[in-house]
């Protein structure tokens, strides 16, 4: 199975589970994969921006990818392969595609300054990994400091047949989605899937602008699946009502620096991770932060019983 431009739904960003001693927690990978399938996600992204990929040795990264693929029950698995150089990117891309991955995600290095540099980078990256490997553009200027205009994205899509998806994480970015869909309507750009990140923070309006779904790792991906489904059924108010109940926790989890620790803590509270540990170097959650997250979960449980987790 290879990723296509018709991808929709929720392609969840999976964390890399660790035990308290820093070793990879394989049983938690299995629980997460089973949960993602049962929740109705349409794909899994491994070794994404919050998958702690830089903390993994090459063989560890391959083992995590292989385990998720083996447990995904046919869901497409996408792998983040961003690297400082094309040699490492190409080696990892070949290995994960041989393991059965559906495609790869590529983020731009923060050294790119001009539109031509950005377009040339993706042209060279596709050639380096193999033009038969579907790839996703990760557009996250708040982290990568690379600003891609809609025109630049159109050029990348036009010059690279293997580009099938945009992971949209610009902020503000609603007008960018509208502009890209406008390019498709006027025939100046072929159709690609647009899946949105930023922890789903703007998913309620991104869907109405033409996004195909979410590509993020919020600790309630089952809620994101419900929001996308409700939009597909034309139930806009119901989608917003459910989303609004989760918004305080989404906002809290989106904090730079502490967000992944919060996400893992909630996933542990939900019984999906054995430990909330991040691989070092990492700062553990403080007692006050845990108390605030517990408070948000208790308030959310009044509206969504999935948040009524055991202490």
C-alpha atoms as a PDB file:
ATOM      1  CA  UNK A   1       0.000   0.000   0.000  1.00  0.00           C
ATOM      2  CA  UNK A   2       1.294   3.445  -0.939  1.00  0.00           C
ATOM      3  CA  UNK A   3       0.013   6.804   0.199  1.00  0.00           C
ATOM      4  CA  UNK A   4      -2.086   8.692  -2.354  1.00  0.00           C
ATOM      5  CA  UNK A   5      -3.477  12.173  -2.839  1.00  0.00           C
ATOM      6  CA  UNK A   6      -6.896  10.840  -1.819  1.00  0.00           C
ATOM      7  CA  UNK A   7      -5.923  10.365   1.840  1.00  0.00           C
ATOM      8  CA  UNK A   8      -8.603  11.582   4.246  1.00  0.00           C
ATOM      9  CA  UNK A   9      -9.592  11.201   7.886  1.00  0.00           C
ATOM     10  CA  UNK A  10      -7.137  11.217  10.768  1.00  0.00           C
ATOM     11  CA  UNK A  11      -3.555  10.125  10.226  1.00  0.00           C
ATOM     12  CA  UNK A  12      -2.448  10.091  13.833  1.00  0.00           C
ATOM     13  CA  UNK A  13       1.061  11.097  14.877  1.00  0.00           C
ATOM     14  CA  UNK A  14       2.230   8.205  17.055  1.00  0.00           C
ATOM     15  CA  UNK A  15       4.605   8.759  19.962  1.00  0.00           C
ATOM     16  CA  UNK A  16       7.584   6.535  20.566  1.00  0.00           C
ATOM     17  CA  UNK A  17       6.874   4.836  23.913  1.00  0.00           C
ATOM     18  CA  UNK A  18       9.716   4.459  26.387  1.00  0.00           C
ATOM     19  CA  UNK A  19      10.030   2.766  29.736  1.00  0.00           C
ATOM     20  CA  UNK A  20      11.422   4.690  32.681  1.00  0.00           C
ATOM     21  CA  UNK A  21      14.904   3.336  31.955  1.00  0.00           C
ATOM     22  CA  UNK A  22      14.821   4.780  28.416  1.00  0.00           C
ATOM     23  CA  UNK A  23      14.329   1.497  26.573  1.00  0.00           C
ATOM     24  CA  UNK A  24      11.660   1.189  23.892  1.00  0.00           C
ATOM     25  CA  UNK A  25       8.331  -0.008  25.271  1.00  0.00           C
ATOM     26  CA  UNK A  26       7.136  -2.514  22.655  1.00  0.00           C
ATOM     27  CA  UNK A  27       3.898  -3.582  24.441  1.00  0.00           C
ATOM     28  CA  UNK A  28       2.805   0.066  24.476  1.00  0.00           C
ATOM     29  CA  UNK A  29       3.393   0.284  20.721  1.00  0.00           C
ATOM     30  CA  UNK A  30       1.050  -2.669  20.358  1.00  0.00           C
ATOM     31  CA  UNK A  31      -1.623  -1.078  22.566  1.00  0.00           C
ATOM     32  CA  UNK A  32      -1.405   2.221  20.730  1.00  0.00           C
ATOM     33  CA  UNK A  33      -1.656   0.584  17.309  1.00  0.00           C
ATOM     34  CA  UNK A  34      -4.685  -1.453  18.383  1.00  0.00           C
ATOM     35  CA  UNK A  35      -6.303   1.676  19.806  1.00  0.00           C
ATOM     36  CA  UNK A  36      -5.686   3.689  16.635  1.00  0.00           C
ATOM     37  CA  UNK A  37      -7.343   1.004  14.551  1.00  0.00           C
ATOM     38  CA  UNK A  38     -10.341   0.768  16.893  1.00  0.00           C
ATOM     39  CA  UNK A  39     -10.676   4.572  17.076  1.00  0.00           C
ATOM     40  CA  UNK A  40     -11.176   4.826  13.333  1.00  0.00           C
ATOM     41  CA  UNK A  41      -7.950   6.521  12.298  1.00  0.00           C
ATOM     42  CA  UNK A  42      -7.051   6.203   8.619  1.00  0.00           C
ATOM     43  CA  UNK A  43      -3.279   6.093   9.006  1.00  0.00           C
ATOM     44  CA  UNK A  44      -0.347   6.362  11.398  1.00  0.00           C
ATOM     45  CA  UNK A  45       2.706   8.608  11.209  1.00  0.00           C
ATOM     46  CA  UNK A  46       5.787   7.324  13.004  1.00  0.00           C
ATOM     47  CA  UNK A  47       8.950   9.289  13.863  1.00  0.00           C
ATOM     48  CA  UNK A  48       7.190  12.595  13.315  1.00  0.00           C
ATOM     49  CA  UNK A  49       8.186  15.894  14.877  1.00  0.00           C
ATOM     50  CA  UNK A  50       7.084  14.656  18.321  1.00  0.00           C
ATOM     51  CA  UNK A  51       8.173  11.040  17.857  1.00  0.00           C
ATOM     52  CA  UNK A  52      11.571  11.733  19.465  1.00  0.00           C
ATOM     53  CA  UNK A  53      13.284  10.432  16.335  1.00  0.00           C
ATOM     54  CA  UNK A  54      16.595  12.271  16.954  1.00  0.00           C
ATOM     55  CA  UNK A  55      16.932  10.331  20.216  1.00  0.00           C
ATOM     56  CA  UNK A  56      16.785   6.952  18.449  1.00  0.00           C
ATOM     57  CA  UNK A  57      19.658   4.997  16.969  1.00  0.00           C
ATOM     58  CA  UNK A  58      19.159   3.996  13.328  1.00  0.00           C
ATOM     59  CA  UNK A  59      18.349   0.373  14.184  1.00  0.00           C
ATOM     60  CA  UNK A  60      15.961   1.484  16.939  1.00  0.00           C
ATOM     61  CA  UNK A  61      14.091   3.743  14.513  1.00  0.00           C
ATOM     62  CA  UNK A  62      13.716   0.870  12.072  1.00  0.00           C
ATOM     63  CA  UNK A  63      12.447  -1.444  14.820  1.00  0.00           C
ATOM     64  CA  UNK A  64       9.811   1.085  15.933  1.00  0.00           C
ATOM     65  CA  UNK A  65       8.621   1.510  12.349  1.00  0.00           C
ATOM     66  CA  UNK A  66       8.517  -2.249  11.774  1.00  0.00           C
ATOM     67  CA  UNK A  67       6.501  -2.835  14.949  1.00  0.00           C
ATOM     68  CA  UNK A  68       3.904  -0.193  14.103  1.00  0.00           C
ATOM     69  CA  UNK A  69       3.565  -1.577  10.563  1.00  0.00           C
ATOM     70  CA  UNK A  70       3.136  -5.119  11.863  1.00  0.00           C
ATOM     71  CA  UNK A  71       0.343  -4.009  14.212  1.00  0.00           C
ATOM     72  CA  UNK A  72      -1.407  -1.454  11.985  1.00  0.00           C
ATOM     73  CA  UNK A  73      -3.850  -3.992  10.475  1.00  0.00           C
ATOM     74  CA  UNK A  74      -3.508  -2.541   6.987  1.00  0.00           C
ATOM     75  CA  UNK A  75      -3.559   1.146   7.868  1.00  0.00           C
ATOM     76  CA  UNK A  76      -0.974   3.131   5.883  1.00  0.00           C
ATOM     77  CA  UNK A  77       2.081   3.973   7.984  1.00  0.00           C
ATOM     78  CA  UNK A  78       4.017   7.114   7.086  1.00  0.00           C
ATOM     79  CA  UNK A  79       7.521   7.702   8.428  1.00  0.00           C
ATOM     80  CA  UNK A  80       9.271  10.987   9.116  1.00  0.00           C
ATOM     81  CA  UNK A  81      12.649  10.842   7.374  1.00  0.00           C
ATOM     82  CA  UNK A  82      13.864  14.429   7.683  1.00  0.00           C
ATOM     83  CA  UNK A  83      17.629  14.564   8.063  1.00  0.00           C
ATOM     84  CA  UNK A  84      20.461  17.090   7.628  1.00  0.00           C
ATOM     85  CA  UNK A  85      21.677  15.334   4.488  1.00  0.00           C
ATOM     86  CA  UNK A  86      20.158  13.303   1.683  1.00  0.00           C
ATOM     87  CA  UNK A  87      22.328  10.232   2.297  1.00  0.00           C
ATOM     88  CA  UNK A  88      20.741   9.535   5.672  1.00  0.00           C
ATOM     89  CA  UNK A  89      17.290  10.460   4.349  1.00  0.00           C
ATOM     90  CA  UNK A  90      17.633   8.106   1.396  1.00  0.00           C
ATOM     91  CA  UNK A  91      18.918   5.227   3.541  1.00  0.00           C
ATOM     92  CA  UNK A  92      16.059   5.532   6.040  1.00  0.00           C
ATOM     93  CA  UNK A  93      13.473   5.970   3.277  1.00  0.00           C
ATOM     94  CA  UNK A  94      14.612   2.801   1.505  1.00  0.00           C
ATOM     95  CA  UNK A  95      14.629   0.819   4.726  1.00  0.00           C
ATOM     96  CA  UNK A  96      11.149   1.840   5.862  1.00  0.00           C
ATOM     97  CA  UNK A  97       9.622   1.376   2.419  1.00  0.00           C
ATOM     98  CA  UNK A  98      11.131  -2.118   2.318  1.00  0.00           C
ATOM     99  CA  UNK A  99       9.479  -2.725   5.702  1.00  0.00           C
ATOM    100  CA  UNK A 100       6.100  -1.796   4.238  1.00  0.00           C
ATOM    101  CA  UNK A 101       5.701   1.931   4.898  1.00  0.00           C
ATOM    102  CA  UNK A 102       3.206   3.788   2.709  1.00  0.00           C
ATOM    103  CA  UNK A 103       5.284   6.925   2.267  1.00  0.00           C
ATOM    104  CA  UNK A 104       7.553   9.422   3.973  1.00  0.00           C
ATOM    105  CA  UNK A 105       7.286  12.921   5.416  1.00  0.00           C
ATOM    106  CA  UNK A 106       9.953  15.542   4.715  1.00  0.00           C
ATOM    107  CA  UNK A 107      10.407  18.799   6.606  1.00  0.00           C
ATOM    108  CA  UNK A 108      12.514  21.621   5.160  1.00  0.00           C
ATOM    109  CA  UNK A 109      15.819  22.520   6.858  1.00  0.00           C
ATOM    110  CA  UNK A 110      15.880  25.950   8.467  1.00  0.00           C
ATOM    111  CA  UNK A 111      18.706  27.049   6.168  1.00  0.00           C
ATOM    112  CA  UNK A 112      16.309  27.630   3.255  1.00  0.00           C
ATOM    113  CA  UNK A 113      15.684  31.321   2.645  1.00  0.00           C
ATOM    114  CA  UNK A 114      14.181  31.833  -0.813  1.00  0.00           C
ATOM    115  CA  UNK A 115      11.308  30.323  -2.758  1.00  0.00           C
ATOM    116  CA  UNK A 116      13.705  28.841  -5.307  1.00  0.00           C
ATOM    117  CA  UNK A 117      15.768  27.211  -2.548  1.00  0.00           C
ATOM    118  CA  UNK A 118      12.669  25.583  -1.069  1.00  0.00           C
ATOM    119  CA  UNK A 119      11.462  24.248  -4.420  1.00  0.00           C
ATOM    120  CA  UNK A 120      14.933  23.003  -5.342  1.00  0.00           C
ATOM    121  CA  UNK A 121      15.284  21.255  -1.968  1.00  0.00           C
ATOM    122  CA  UNK A 122      12.165  19.175  -2.462  1.00  0.00           C
ATOM    123  CA  UNK A 123      13.126  18.382  -6.062  1.00  0.00           C
ATOM    124  CA  UNK A 124      16.511  17.096  -4.891  1.00  0.00           C
ATOM    125  CA  UNK A 125      14.999  15.248  -1.921  1.00  0.00           C
ATOM    126  CA  UNK A 126      12.563  13.352  -4.118  1.00  0.00           C
ATOM    127  CA  UNK A 127      15.321  12.358  -6.497  1.00  0.00           C
ATOM    128  CA  UNK A 128      17.548  11.290  -3.610  1.00  0.00           C
ATOM    129  CA  UNK A 129      15.010   8.993  -1.939  1.00  0.00           C
ATOM    130  CA  UNK A 130      13.537   7.727  -5.206  1.00  0.00           C
ATOM    131  CA  UNK A 131      10.813   9.360  -7.256  1.00  0.00           C
ATOM    132  CA  UNK A 132       8.584   6.342  -6.763  1.00  0.00           C
ATOM    133  CA  UNK A 133       8.292   7.010  -3.013  1.00  0.00           C
ATOM    134  CA  UNK A 134       5.237   9.122  -2.085  1.00  0.00           C
ATOM    135  CA  UNK A 135       6.134  12.029   0.124  1.00  0.00           C
ATOM    136  CA  UNK A 136       4.456  14.615   2.313  1.00  0.00           C
ATOM    137  CA  UNK A 137       5.519  18.248   2.604  1.00  0.00           C
ATOM    138  CA  UNK A 138       5.626  19.269   6.251  1.00  0.00           C
ATOM    139  CA  UNK A 139       4.822  22.972   6.324  1.00  0.00           C
ATOM    140  CA  UNK A 140       5.493  24.063   9.909  1.00  0.00           C
ATOM    141  CA  UNK A 141       7.063  27.548   9.826  1.00  0.00           C
ATOM    142  CA  UNK A 142       6.666  28.107  13.568  1.00  0.00           C
ATOM    143  CA  UNK A 143       9.202  25.321  14.181  1.00  0.00           C
ATOM    144  CA  UNK A 144      11.292  25.188  11.002  1.00  0.00           C
ATOM    145  CA  UNK A 145      11.400  28.949  10.271  1.00  0.00           C
ATOM    146  CA  UNK A 146      10.742  28.262   6.583  1.00  0.00           C
ATOM    147  CA  UNK A 147       7.785  30.132   5.110  1.00  0.00           C
ATOM    148  CA  UNK A 148       6.154  28.378   2.164  1.00  0.00           C
ATOM    149  CA  UNK A 149       3.695  30.491   0.211  1.00  0.00           C
ATOM    150  CA  UNK A 150       0.824  28.777  -1.609  1.00  0.00           C
ATOM    151  CA  UNK A 151       2.686  29.513  -4.842  1.00  0.00           C
ATOM    152  CA  UNK A 152       5.765  27.661  -3.599  1.00  0.00           C
ATOM    153  CA  UNK A 153       3.674  24.663  -2.595  1.00  0.00           C
ATOM    154  CA  UNK A 154       2.055  24.681  -6.039  1.00  0.00           C
ATOM    155  CA  UNK A 155       5.515  24.639  -7.652  1.00  0.00           C
ATOM    156  CA  UNK A 156       6.644  21.705  -5.466  1.00  0.00           C
ATOM    157  CA  UNK A 157       3.492  19.747  -6.315  1.00  0.00           C
ATOM    158  CA  UNK A 158       3.809  20.523 -10.035  1.00  0.00           C
ATOM    159  CA  UNK A 159       7.475  19.506 -10.237  1.00  0.00           C
ATOM    160  CA  UNK A 160       7.233  16.345  -8.117  1.00  0.00           C
ATOM    161  CA  UNK A 161       4.673  13.690  -9.060  1.00  0.00           C
ATOM    162  CA  UNK A 162       5.551  11.815  -5.850  1.00  0.00           C
ATOM    163  CA  UNK A 163       4.244  14.684  -3.697  1.00  0.00           C
ATOM    164  CA  UNK A 164       0.797  13.515  -2.576  1.00  0.00           C
ATOM    165  CA  UNK A 165       0.065  15.422   0.617  1.00  0.00           C
ATOM    166  CA  UNK A 166       0.640  18.641   2.500  1.00  0.00           C
ATOM    167  CA  UNK A 167       0.880  18.515   6.265  1.00  0.00           C
ATOM    168  CA  UNK A 168      -0.458  21.984   6.909  1.00  0.00           C
ATOM    169  CA  UNK A 169       0.788  23.586  10.121  1.00  0.00           C
ATOM    170  CA  UNK A 170       1.026  27.245   9.227  1.00  0.00           C
ATOM    171  CA  UNK A 171      -0.444  29.669  11.738  1.00  0.00           C
ATOM    172  CA  UNK A 172      -2.503  31.535  10.732  1.00  0.00           C
ATOM    173  CA  UNK A 173      -3.141  29.247   7.808  1.00  0.00           C
ATOM    174  CA  UNK A 174      -6.823  29.130   6.934  1.00  0.00           C
ATOM    175  CA  UNK A 175      -6.384  31.395   3.917  1.00  0.00           C
ATOM    176  CA  UNK A 176      -3.536  29.177   2.692  1.00  0.00           C
ATOM    177  CA  UNK A 177      -5.898  26.177   2.560  1.00  0.00           C
ATOM    178  CA  UNK A 178      -8.486  28.220   0.665  1.00  0.00           C
ATOM    179  CA  UNK A 179      -5.876  29.452  -1.818  1.00  0.00           C
ATOM    180  CA  UNK A 180      -4.548  25.949  -2.488  1.00  0.00           C
ATOM    181  CA  UNK A 181      -8.033  24.583  -3.073  1.00  0.00           C
ATOM    182  CA  UNK A 182      -8.613  27.543  -5.374  1.00  0.00           C
ATOM    183  CA  UNK A 183      -5.561  26.494  -7.399  1.00  0.00           C
ATOM    184  CA  UNK A 184      -7.139  23.075  -7.809  1.00  0.00           C
ATOM    185  CA  UNK A 185     -10.450  24.545  -8.946  1.00  0.00           C
ATOM    186  CA  UNK A 186      -8.824  26.780 -11.574  1.00  0.00           C
ATOM    187  CA  UNK A 187      -6.699  23.883 -12.822  1.00  0.00           C
ATOM    188  CA  UNK A 188      -3.320  25.393 -11.960  1.00  0.00           C
ATOM    189  CA  UNK A 189      -2.471  22.646  -9.432  1.00  0.00           C
ATOM    190  CA  UNK A 190      -3.384  18.977  -9.311  1.00  0.00           C
ATOM    191  CA  UNK A 191      -5.242  17.673  -6.300  1.00  0.00           C
ATOM    192  CA  UNK A 192      -3.309  16.722  -3.187  1.00  0.00           C
ATOM    193  CA  UNK A 193      -4.457  15.706   0.246  1.00  0.00           C
ATOM    194  CA  UNK A 194      -4.296  18.464   2.872  1.00  0.00           C
ATOM    195  CA  UNK A 195      -4.043  17.132   6.406  1.00  0.00           C
ATOM    196  CA  UNK A 196      -3.617  19.505   9.319  1.00  0.00           C
ATOM    197  CA  UNK A 197      -1.336  19.477  12.345  1.00  0.00           C
ATOM    198  CA  UNK A 198      -0.817  22.042  15.113  1.00  0.00           C
ATOM    199  CA  UNK A 199      -2.335  19.525  17.541  1.00  0.00           C
ATOM    200  CA  UNK A 200      -5.657  20.005  15.768  1.00  0.00           C
ATOM    201  CA  UNK A 201      -5.901  23.502  17.234  1.00  0.00           C
ATOM    202  CA  UNK A 202      -7.734  24.903  14.204  1.00  0.00           C
ATOM    203  CA  UNK A 203      -9.310  21.713  12.850  1.00  0.00           C
ATOM    204  CA  UNK A 204     -12.836  23.017  13.417  1.00  0.00           C
ATOM    205  CA  UNK A 205     -12.387  25.652  10.710  1.00  0.00           C
ATOM    206  CA  UNK A 206      -9.725  23.909   8.629  1.00  0.00           C
ATOM    207  CA  UNK A 207     -12.294  21.284   7.650  1.00  0.00           C
ATOM    208  CA  UNK A 208     -14.676  23.938   6.338  1.00  0.00           C
ATOM    209  CA  UNK A 209     -11.824  25.479   4.320  1.00  0.00           C
ATOM    210  CA  UNK A 210     -11.239  22.233   2.441  1.00  0.00           C
ATOM    211  CA  UNK A 211      -8.836  20.213   4.578  1.00  0.00           C
ATOM    212  CA  UNK A 212      -9.179  16.442   4.285  1.00  0.00           C
ATOM    213  CA  UNK A 213      -8.591  15.765   7.973  1.00  0.00           C
ATOM    214  CA  UNK A 214      -5.979  15.832  10.718  1.00  0.00           C
ATOM    215  CA  UNK A 215      -2.379  14.663  10.859  1.00  0.00           C
ATOM    216  CA  UNK A 216      -1.539  15.270  14.480  1.00  0.00           C
ATOM    217  CA  UNK A 217      -1.044  13.479  17.773  1.00  0.00           C
ATOM    218  CA  UNK A 218      -3.523  15.024  20.221  1.00  0.00           C
ATOM    219  CA  UNK A 219      -4.079  12.651  23.126  1.00  0.00           C
ATOM    220  CA  UNK A 220      -7.708  12.038  22.054  1.00  0.00           C
ATOM    221  CA  UNK A 221      -7.345  11.065  18.386  1.00  0.00           C
ATOM    222  CA  UNK A 222     -10.713   9.335  18.691  1.00  0.00           C
ATOM    223  CA  UNK A 223     -12.253  12.785  19.199  1.00  0.00           C
ATOM    224  CA  UNK A 224     -10.502  14.073  16.075  1.00  0.00           C
ATOM    225  CA  UNK A 225     -11.988  11.133  14.148  1.00  0.00           C
ATOM    226  CA  UNK A 226     -15.438  12.114  15.406  1.00  0.00           C
ATOM    227  CA  UNK A 227     -14.979  15.750  14.373  1.00  0.00           C
ATOM    228  CA  UNK A 228     -13.883  14.781  10.849  1.00  0.00           C
ATOM    229  CA  UNK A 229     -16.782  12.318  10.582  1.00  0.00           C
ATOM    230  CA  UNK A 230     -19.338  14.878  11.771  1.00  0.00           C
ATOM    231  CA  UNK A 231     -18.097  17.383   9.200  1.00  0.00           C
ATOM    232  CA  UNK A 232     -18.409  14.734   6.524  1.00  0.00           C
ATOM    233  CA  UNK A 233     -22.006  14.168   7.600  1.00  0.00           C
ATOM    234  CA  UNK A 234     -22.768  17.889   7.393  1.00  0.00           C
ATOM    235  CA  UNK A 235     -23.180  18.213  11.174  1.00  0.00           C
ATOM    236  CA  UNK A 236     -21.130  21.360  11.628  1.00  0.00           C
ATOM    237  CA  UNK A 237     -22.616  22.449  14.958  1.00  0.00           C
ATOM    238  CA  UNK A 238     -22.129  19.013  16.498  1.00  0.00           C
ATOM    239  CA  UNK A 239     -18.515  18.970  15.293  1.00  0.00           C
ATOM    240  CA  UNK A 240     -17.866  22.367  16.870  1.00  0.00           C
ATOM    241  CA  UNK A 241     -19.576  21.425  20.126  1.00  0.00           C
ATOM    242  CA  UNK A 242     -17.384  18.353  20.555  1.00  0.00           C
ATOM    243  CA  UNK A 243     -14.246  20.218  19.496  1.00  0.00           C
ATOM    244  CA  UNK A 244     -14.955  23.133  21.837  1.00  0.00           C
ATOM    245  CA  UNK A 245     -15.159  20.797  24.838  1.00  0.00           C
ATOM    246  CA  UNK A 246     -11.616  19.591  24.116  1.00  0.00           C
ATOM    247  CA  UNK A 247     -10.141  22.981  23.239  1.00  0.00           C
ATOM    248  CA  UNK A 248      -8.716  23.821  26.710  1.00  0.00           C
ATOM    249  CA  UNK A 249      -6.772  20.535  26.785  1.00  0.00           C
ATOM    250  CA  UNK A 250      -5.720  20.906  23.133  1.00  0.00           C
ATOM    251  CA  UNK A 251      -4.369  24.365  23.929  1.00  0.00           C
ATOM    252  CA  UNK A 252      -2.539  23.112  27.008  1.00  0.00           C
ATOM    253  CA  UNK A 253      -0.987  20.204  25.139  1.00  0.00           C
ATOM    254  CA  UNK A 254       0.155  22.516  22.339  1.00  0.00           C
ATOM    255  CA  UNK A 255       2.596  24.380  24.591  1.00  0.00           C
ATOM    256  CA  UNK A 256       6.121  24.305  23.126  1.00  0.00           C
ATOM    257  CA  UNK A 257       8.561  22.288  25.174  1.00  0.00           C
ATOM    258  CA  UNK A 258       6.113  20.634  27.545  1.00  0.00           C
ATOM    259  CA  UNK A 259       3.486  19.476  25.037  1.00  0.00           C
ATOM    260  CA  UNK A 260       4.821  15.985  24.337  1.00  0.00           C
ATOM    261  CA  UNK A 261       5.219  15.271  28.042  1.00  0.00           C
ATOM    262  CA  UNK A 262       1.588  16.293  28.599  1.00  0.00           C
ATOM    263  CA  UNK A 263       0.466  14.117  25.685  1.00  0.00           C
ATOM    264  CA  UNK A 264       2.304  11.075  27.002  1.00  0.00           C
ATOM    265  CA  UNK A 265       0.965  11.672  30.513  1.00  0.00           C
ATOM    266  CA  UNK A 266      -2.632  11.652  29.257  1.00  0.00           C
ATOM    267  CA  UNK A 267      -2.019   8.592  27.077  1.00  0.00           C
ATOM    268  CA  UNK A 268      -0.649   6.860  30.175  1.00  0.00           C
ATOM    269  CA  UNK A 269      -3.744   7.931  32.131  1.00  0.00           C
ATOM    270  CA  UNK A 270      -5.855   6.443  29.317  1.00  0.00           C
ATOM    271  CA  UNK A 271      -4.066   3.099  29.771  1.00  0.00           C
ATOM    272  CA  UNK A 272      -2.271   3.200  26.427  1.00  0.00           C
ATOM    273  CA  UNK A 273       1.276   3.837  27.641  1.00  0.00           C
ATOM    274  CA  UNK A 274       2.995   2.026  30.481  1.00  0.00           C
ATOM    275  CA  UNK A 275       5.010   5.139  31.279  1.00  0.00           C
ATOM    276  CA  UNK A 276       4.863   8.826  30.390  1.00  0.00           C
ATOM    277  CA  UNK A 277       8.663   8.859  30.067  1.00  0.00           C
ATOM    278  CA  UNK A 278      10.470  10.841  27.407  1.00  0.00           C
ATOM    279  CA  UNK A 279      13.929   9.640  26.458  1.00  0.00           C
ATOM    280  CA  UNK A 280      16.603  11.861  27.930  1.00  0.00           C
ATOM    281  CA  UNK A 281      17.519  14.617  27.562  1.00  0.00           C
ATOM    282  CA  UNK A 282      14.073  15.638  28.717  1.00  0.00           C
ATOM    283  CA  UNK A 283      12.453  17.474  31.596  1.00  0.00           C
ATOM    284  CA  UNK A 284       9.802  15.554  33.559  1.00  0.00           C
ATOM    285  CA  UNK A 285       6.422  17.099  34.271  1.00  0.00           C
ATOM    286  CA  UNK A 286       6.214  18.944  37.549  1.00  0.00           C
ATOM    287  CA  UNK A 287       3.602  18.025  40.143  1.00  0.00           C
ATOM    288  CA  UNK A 288       1.782  21.294  39.460  1.00  0.00           C
ATOM    289  CA  UNK A 289       1.605  20.595  35.722  1.00  0.00           C
ATOM    290  CA  UNK A 290       0.211  17.108  36.352  1.00  0.00           C
ATOM    291  CA  UNK A 291      -2.404  18.615  38.680  1.00  0.00           C
ATOM    292  CA  UNK A 292      -3.454  21.097  35.998  1.00  0.00           C
ATOM    293  CA  UNK A 293      -3.778  18.350  33.389  1.00  0.00           C
ATOM    294  CA  UNK A 294      -5.811  16.233  35.821  1.00  0.00           C
ATOM    295  CA  UNK A 295      -8.074  19.238  36.385  1.00  0.00           C
ATOM    296  CA  UNK A 296      -8.587  19.691  32.646  1.00  0.00           C
ATOM    297  CA  UNK A 297      -9.392  15.988  32.238  1.00  0.00           C
ATOM    298  CA  UNK A 298     -11.971  16.144  35.048  1.00  0.00           C
ATOM    299  CA  UNK A 299     -13.656  19.151  33.439  1.00  0.00           C
ATOM    300  CA  UNK A 300     -13.583  17.514  30.004  1.00  0.00           C
ATOM    301  CA  UNK A 301     -15.164  14.339  31.415  1.00  0.00           C
ATOM    302  CA  UNK A 302     -18.353  16.318  32.067  1.00  0.00           C
ATOM    303  CA  UNK A 303     -18.771  16.613  28.293  1.00  0.00           C
ATOM    304  CA  UNK A 304     -16.896  13.583  26.953  1.00  0.00           C
ATOM    305  CA  UNK A 305     -16.802  10.422  29.055  1.00  0.00           C
ATOM    306  CA  UNK A 306     -13.647   9.269  27.320  1.00  0.00           C
ATOM    307  CA  UNK A 307     -11.796  11.709  29.573  1.00  0.00           C
ATOM    308  CA  UNK A 308     -13.071   9.980  32.733  1.00  0.00           C
ATOM    309  CA  UNK A 309      -9.810   8.107  33.260  1.00  0.00           C
ATOM    310  CA  UNK A 310      -8.683   6.288  36.351  1.00  0.00           C
ATOM    311  CA  UNK A 311      -6.401   8.247  38.710  1.00  0.00           C
END
